[in-house]
Amino acid sequence: MGWGWGAIAFLFGLLMIAGIVVLVIVAVRMLRGGGGGGAMQWQGGANRYPQGGPMQGGVMPGGLSGARQILDERFARGEIGAEEYQERRRFMDG
C-alpha cells in the first residue's frame, strides 16, 4: 500500500530536479548570449548585421565567401585533410 505513493513521490522528485537543471542551463545560455551557434546570435540586444544578415552578396564581412570560410575552418580544425581541402577549393574557385 505504501509503495504506490512512494514511487509517485520519487518520480515527482526526479522531475523537479530535471526541471531545475533545465532552467539553470537555459539561464546560463541566455546570460552568455549564445543559443545554438547560428550566425545571427543575440548580441546584447543589438543586431550585429543590420542589413539582413552576415552575407552581402555571398561574401562575409572579412572578404571570404561563406562556403570558403567554412572550408577553411574545417581544414583548420582537422576535419578534412589537405587533399580534400585543395580539391574543394579548386571546385569553389572553379
N, C-alpha and C. Protein backbone atom coordinates (compact mmCIF):
# COMPACT_ATOMS: atom_id res chain seq x y z
N MET A 1 0.82 -1.18 0.00
CA MET A 1 0.00 0.00 0.00
C MET A 1 0.87 1.26 0.00
N GLY A 2 1.99 1.25 0.70
CA GLY A 2 2.85 2.41 0.79
C GLY A 2 3.74 2.59 -0.42
N TRP A 3 3.94 1.53 -1.21
CA TRP A 3 4.84 1.63 -2.36
C TRP A 3 4.30 2.52 -3.46
N GLY A 4 3.01 2.56 -3.65
CA GLY A 4 2.43 3.38 -4.71
C GLY A 4 2.72 4.86 -4.53
N TRP A 5 2.46 5.38 -3.33
CA TRP A 5 2.72 6.80 -3.06
C TRP A 5 4.23 7.09 -3.02
N GLY A 6 4.99 6.14 -2.55
CA GLY A 6 6.44 6.34 -2.50
C GLY A 6 7.03 6.45 -3.90
N ALA A 7 6.55 5.63 -4.83
CA ALA A 7 7.05 5.67 -6.20
C ALA A 7 6.64 6.98 -6.87
N ILE A 8 5.43 7.43 -6.61
CA ILE A 8 4.96 8.69 -7.18
C ILE A 8 5.79 9.86 -6.64
N ALA A 9 6.06 9.85 -5.35
CA ALA A 9 6.86 10.91 -4.75
C ALA A 9 8.28 10.90 -5.32
N PHE A 10 8.84 9.72 -5.52
CA PHE A 10 10.19 9.59 -6.09
C PHE A 10 10.23 10.15 -7.51
N LEU A 11 9.26 9.79 -8.34
CA LEU A 11 9.21 10.30 -9.71
C LEU A 11 9.00 11.81 -9.74
N PHE A 12 8.16 12.30 -8.84
CA PHE A 12 7.94 13.74 -8.77
C PHE A 12 9.24 14.46 -8.40
N GLY A 13 9.98 13.90 -7.48
CA GLY A 13 11.27 14.48 -7.09
C GLY A 13 12.25 14.50 -8.25
N LEU A 14 12.30 13.41 -9.02
CA LEU A 14 13.17 13.37 -10.19
C LEU A 14 12.77 14.41 -11.22
N LEU A 15 11.48 14.57 -11.44
CA LEU A 15 11.01 15.58 -12.38
C LEU A 15 11.36 17.00 -11.91
N MET A 16 11.28 17.24 -10.63
CA MET A 16 11.63 18.55 -10.09
C MET A 16 13.12 18.83 -10.30
N ILE A 17 13.96 17.83 -10.03
CA ILE A 17 15.40 18.01 -10.22
C ILE A 17 15.71 18.25 -11.70
N ALA A 18 15.10 17.49 -12.59
CA ALA A 18 15.32 17.66 -14.02
C ALA A 18 14.87 19.05 -14.47
N GLY A 19 13.75 19.52 -13.97
CA GLY A 19 13.26 20.85 -14.31
C GLY A 19 14.21 21.94 -13.86
N ILE A 20 14.76 21.80 -12.67
CA ILE A 20 15.72 22.79 -12.17
C ILE A 20 16.98 22.80 -13.02
N VAL A 21 17.45 21.62 -13.40
CA VAL A 21 18.65 21.53 -14.24
C VAL A 21 18.40 22.21 -15.59
N VAL A 22 17.26 21.97 -16.19
CA VAL A 22 16.92 22.59 -17.47
C VAL A 22 16.86 24.11 -17.33
N LEU A 23 16.25 24.60 -16.26
CA LEU A 23 16.17 26.04 -16.05
C LEU A 23 17.55 26.67 -15.88
N VAL A 24 18.43 26.00 -15.16
CA VAL A 24 19.79 26.52 -14.98
C VAL A 24 20.52 26.58 -16.31
N ILE A 25 20.39 25.53 -17.12
CA ILE A 25 21.05 25.51 -18.43
C ILE A 25 20.53 26.63 -19.32
N VAL A 26 19.23 26.81 -19.36
CA VAL A 26 18.64 27.88 -20.17
C VAL A 26 19.09 29.25 -19.68
N ALA A 27 19.13 29.44 -18.37
CA ALA A 27 19.55 30.73 -17.82
C ALA A 27 21.01 31.02 -18.16
N VAL A 28 21.87 30.02 -18.05
CA VAL A 28 23.29 30.22 -18.37
C VAL A 28 23.46 30.56 -19.84
N ARG A 29 22.75 29.88 -20.72
CA ARG A 29 22.86 30.16 -22.15
C ARG A 29 22.38 31.57 -22.48
N MET A 30 21.31 31.99 -21.83
CA MET A 30 20.78 33.33 -22.09
C MET A 30 21.76 34.39 -21.59
N LEU A 31 22.34 34.17 -20.44
CA LEU A 31 23.27 35.15 -19.88
C LEU A 31 24.56 35.23 -20.67
N ARG A 32 25.00 34.11 -21.24
CA ARG A 32 26.21 34.10 -22.04
C ARG A 32 25.97 34.67 -23.43
N GLY A 33 24.74 34.76 -23.83
CA GLY A 33 24.43 35.35 -25.13
C GLY A 33 24.49 34.35 -26.27
N GLY A 34 24.61 33.08 -25.99
CA GLY A 34 24.65 32.06 -27.04
C GLY A 34 23.43 31.19 -26.94
N GLY A 35 22.95 30.77 -28.08
CA GLY A 35 21.79 29.92 -28.04
C GLY A 35 21.97 28.64 -28.78
N GLY A 36 22.77 28.62 -29.79
CA GLY A 36 22.86 27.40 -30.53
C GLY A 36 23.90 27.42 -31.60
N GLY A 37 24.51 28.53 -31.83
CA GLY A 37 25.58 28.54 -32.79
C GLY A 37 25.24 29.07 -34.15
N GLY A 38 24.09 29.68 -34.32
CA GLY A 38 23.75 30.25 -35.61
C GLY A 38 24.51 31.53 -35.88
N ALA A 39 24.48 31.99 -37.12
CA ALA A 39 25.21 33.20 -37.48
C ALA A 39 24.58 34.44 -36.87
N MET A 40 23.28 34.40 -36.63
CA MET A 40 22.58 35.55 -36.08
C MET A 40 22.27 35.31 -34.61
N GLN A 41 23.27 35.38 -33.76
CA GLN A 41 23.06 35.18 -32.34
C GLN A 41 22.75 36.51 -31.68
N TRP A 42 22.10 36.42 -30.53
CA TRP A 42 21.78 37.60 -29.75
C TRP A 42 23.06 38.20 -29.24
N GLN A 43 23.26 39.49 -29.45
CA GLN A 43 24.48 40.18 -29.03
C GLN A 43 24.10 41.37 -28.17
N GLY A 44 23.64 41.11 -26.99
CA GLY A 44 23.30 42.20 -26.08
C GLY A 44 22.14 43.05 -26.57
N GLY A 45 21.25 42.46 -27.33
CA GLY A 45 20.08 43.18 -27.81
C GLY A 45 20.29 43.90 -29.12
N ALA A 46 21.51 43.95 -29.60
CA ALA A 46 21.78 44.65 -30.87
C ALA A 46 22.00 43.64 -31.98
N ASN A 47 21.49 43.93 -33.14
CA ASN A 47 21.69 43.06 -34.28
C ASN A 47 23.04 43.39 -34.90
N ARG A 48 23.94 42.42 -34.94
CA ARG A 48 25.27 42.66 -35.49
C ARG A 48 25.23 42.92 -36.98
N TYR A 49 24.22 42.42 -37.65
CA TYR A 49 24.14 42.53 -39.10
C TYR A 49 22.83 43.22 -39.46
N PRO A 50 22.78 44.53 -39.39
CA PRO A 50 21.51 45.23 -39.55
C PRO A 50 20.92 45.17 -40.94
N GLN A 51 21.69 44.85 -41.97
CA GLN A 51 21.14 44.82 -43.32
C GLN A 51 20.73 43.44 -43.78
N GLY A 52 20.21 42.61 -42.88
CA GLY A 52 19.60 41.37 -43.31
C GLY A 52 20.48 40.14 -43.19
N GLY A 53 21.62 40.22 -42.63
CA GLY A 53 22.42 39.03 -42.43
C GLY A 53 23.90 39.29 -42.61
N PRO A 54 24.71 38.30 -42.23
CA PRO A 54 26.15 38.50 -42.30
C PRO A 54 26.70 38.50 -43.71
N MET A 55 25.97 37.91 -44.64
CA MET A 55 26.49 37.79 -46.00
C MET A 55 25.79 38.78 -46.91
N GLN A 56 26.55 39.63 -47.53
CA GLN A 56 26.02 40.57 -48.50
C GLN A 56 26.53 40.14 -49.87
N GLY A 57 25.67 39.59 -50.68
CA GLY A 57 26.09 39.12 -51.99
C GLY A 57 26.95 37.88 -51.92
N GLY A 58 26.79 37.07 -50.87
CA GLY A 58 27.54 35.83 -50.75
C GLY A 58 28.93 35.99 -50.18
N VAL A 59 29.29 37.18 -49.73
CA VAL A 59 30.63 37.42 -49.21
C VAL A 59 30.53 37.85 -47.76
N MET A 60 31.33 37.22 -46.90
CA MET A 60 31.36 37.56 -45.49
C MET A 60 32.05 38.92 -45.33
N PRO A 61 31.83 39.59 -44.20
CA PRO A 61 32.46 40.90 -43.99
C PRO A 61 33.98 40.87 -44.12
N GLY A 62 34.63 39.76 -43.82
CA GLY A 62 36.08 39.66 -43.95
C GLY A 62 36.55 39.52 -45.38
N GLY A 63 35.66 39.32 -46.34
CA GLY A 63 36.02 39.23 -47.74
C GLY A 63 35.91 37.83 -48.32
N LEU A 64 35.84 36.79 -47.48
CA LEU A 64 35.72 35.42 -47.98
C LEU A 64 34.25 35.05 -48.13
N SER A 65 33.97 34.16 -49.06
CA SER A 65 32.60 33.67 -49.17
C SER A 65 32.31 32.80 -47.96
N GLY A 66 31.03 32.65 -47.65
CA GLY A 66 30.65 31.82 -46.51
C GLY A 66 31.13 30.40 -46.64
N ALA A 67 31.02 29.84 -47.85
CA ALA A 67 31.46 28.46 -48.08
C ALA A 67 32.97 28.34 -47.93
N ARG A 68 33.70 29.32 -48.41
CA ARG A 68 35.16 29.29 -48.30
C ARG A 68 35.59 29.40 -46.85
N GLN A 69 34.92 30.24 -46.09
CA GLN A 69 35.26 30.39 -44.68
C GLN A 69 35.00 29.08 -43.92
N ILE A 70 33.89 28.43 -44.22
CA ILE A 70 33.58 27.15 -43.58
C ILE A 70 34.63 26.11 -43.95
N LEU A 71 35.01 26.08 -45.22
CA LEU A 71 36.04 25.14 -45.67
C LEU A 71 37.35 25.39 -44.93
N ASP A 72 37.75 26.65 -44.82
CA ASP A 72 38.99 26.99 -44.11
C ASP A 72 38.92 26.56 -42.65
N GLU A 73 37.77 26.79 -42.01
CA GLU A 73 37.61 26.41 -40.60
C GLU A 73 37.68 24.90 -40.43
N ARG A 74 37.05 24.15 -41.33
CA ARG A 74 37.08 22.69 -41.23
C ARG A 74 38.50 22.16 -41.41
N PHE A 75 39.24 22.76 -42.31
CA PHE A 75 40.63 22.36 -42.52
C PHE A 75 41.47 22.69 -41.28
N ALA A 76 41.24 23.86 -40.71
CA ALA A 76 42.00 24.28 -39.53
C ALA A 76 41.71 23.38 -38.33
N ARG A 77 40.47 22.89 -38.22
CA ARG A 77 40.12 22.00 -37.11
C ARG A 77 40.58 20.57 -37.36
N GLY A 78 41.04 20.27 -38.57
CA GLY A 78 41.48 18.92 -38.88
C GLY A 78 40.36 17.98 -39.29
N GLU A 79 39.19 18.52 -39.60
CA GLU A 79 38.07 17.69 -40.02
C GLU A 79 38.28 17.12 -41.42
N ILE A 80 39.02 17.85 -42.25
CA ILE A 80 39.33 17.38 -43.60
C ILE A 80 40.84 17.49 -43.80
N GLY A 81 41.36 16.65 -44.68
CA GLY A 81 42.78 16.66 -44.96
C GLY A 81 43.14 17.67 -46.05
N ALA A 82 44.45 17.79 -46.29
CA ALA A 82 44.95 18.77 -47.26
C ALA A 82 44.45 18.47 -48.67
N GLU A 83 44.41 17.19 -49.03
CA GLU A 83 43.98 16.82 -50.38
C GLU A 83 42.52 17.20 -50.61
N GLU A 84 41.66 16.86 -49.64
CA GLU A 84 40.24 17.20 -49.78
C GLU A 84 40.04 18.71 -49.77
N TYR A 85 40.81 19.40 -48.94
CA TYR A 85 40.74 20.87 -48.88
C TYR A 85 41.06 21.48 -50.24
N GLN A 86 42.16 21.03 -50.86
CA GLN A 86 42.56 21.58 -52.16
C GLN A 86 41.52 21.26 -53.24
N GLU A 87 41.00 20.04 -53.18
CA GLU A 87 40.00 19.64 -54.18
C GLU A 87 38.75 20.51 -54.08
N ARG A 88 38.26 20.70 -52.88
CA ARG A 88 37.05 21.51 -52.70
C ARG A 88 37.31 22.97 -53.02
N ARG A 89 38.50 23.45 -52.71
CA ARG A 89 38.83 24.83 -53.01
C ARG A 89 38.89 25.07 -54.52
N ARG A 90 39.48 24.12 -55.24
CA ARG A 90 39.52 24.23 -56.72
C ARG A 90 38.10 24.25 -57.28
N PHE A 91 37.22 23.41 -56.70
CA PHE A 91 35.84 23.35 -57.16
C PHE A 91 35.14 24.69 -56.95
N MET A 92 35.36 25.30 -55.77
CA MET A 92 34.71 26.58 -55.48
C MET A 92 35.28 27.71 -56.33
N ASP A 93 36.59 27.68 -56.57
CA ASP A 93 37.20 28.75 -57.36
C ASP A 93 36.85 28.62 -58.85
N GLY A 94 36.52 27.39 -59.23
CA GLY A 94 36.11 26.93 -60.49
C GLY A 94 36.14 27.66 -61.70
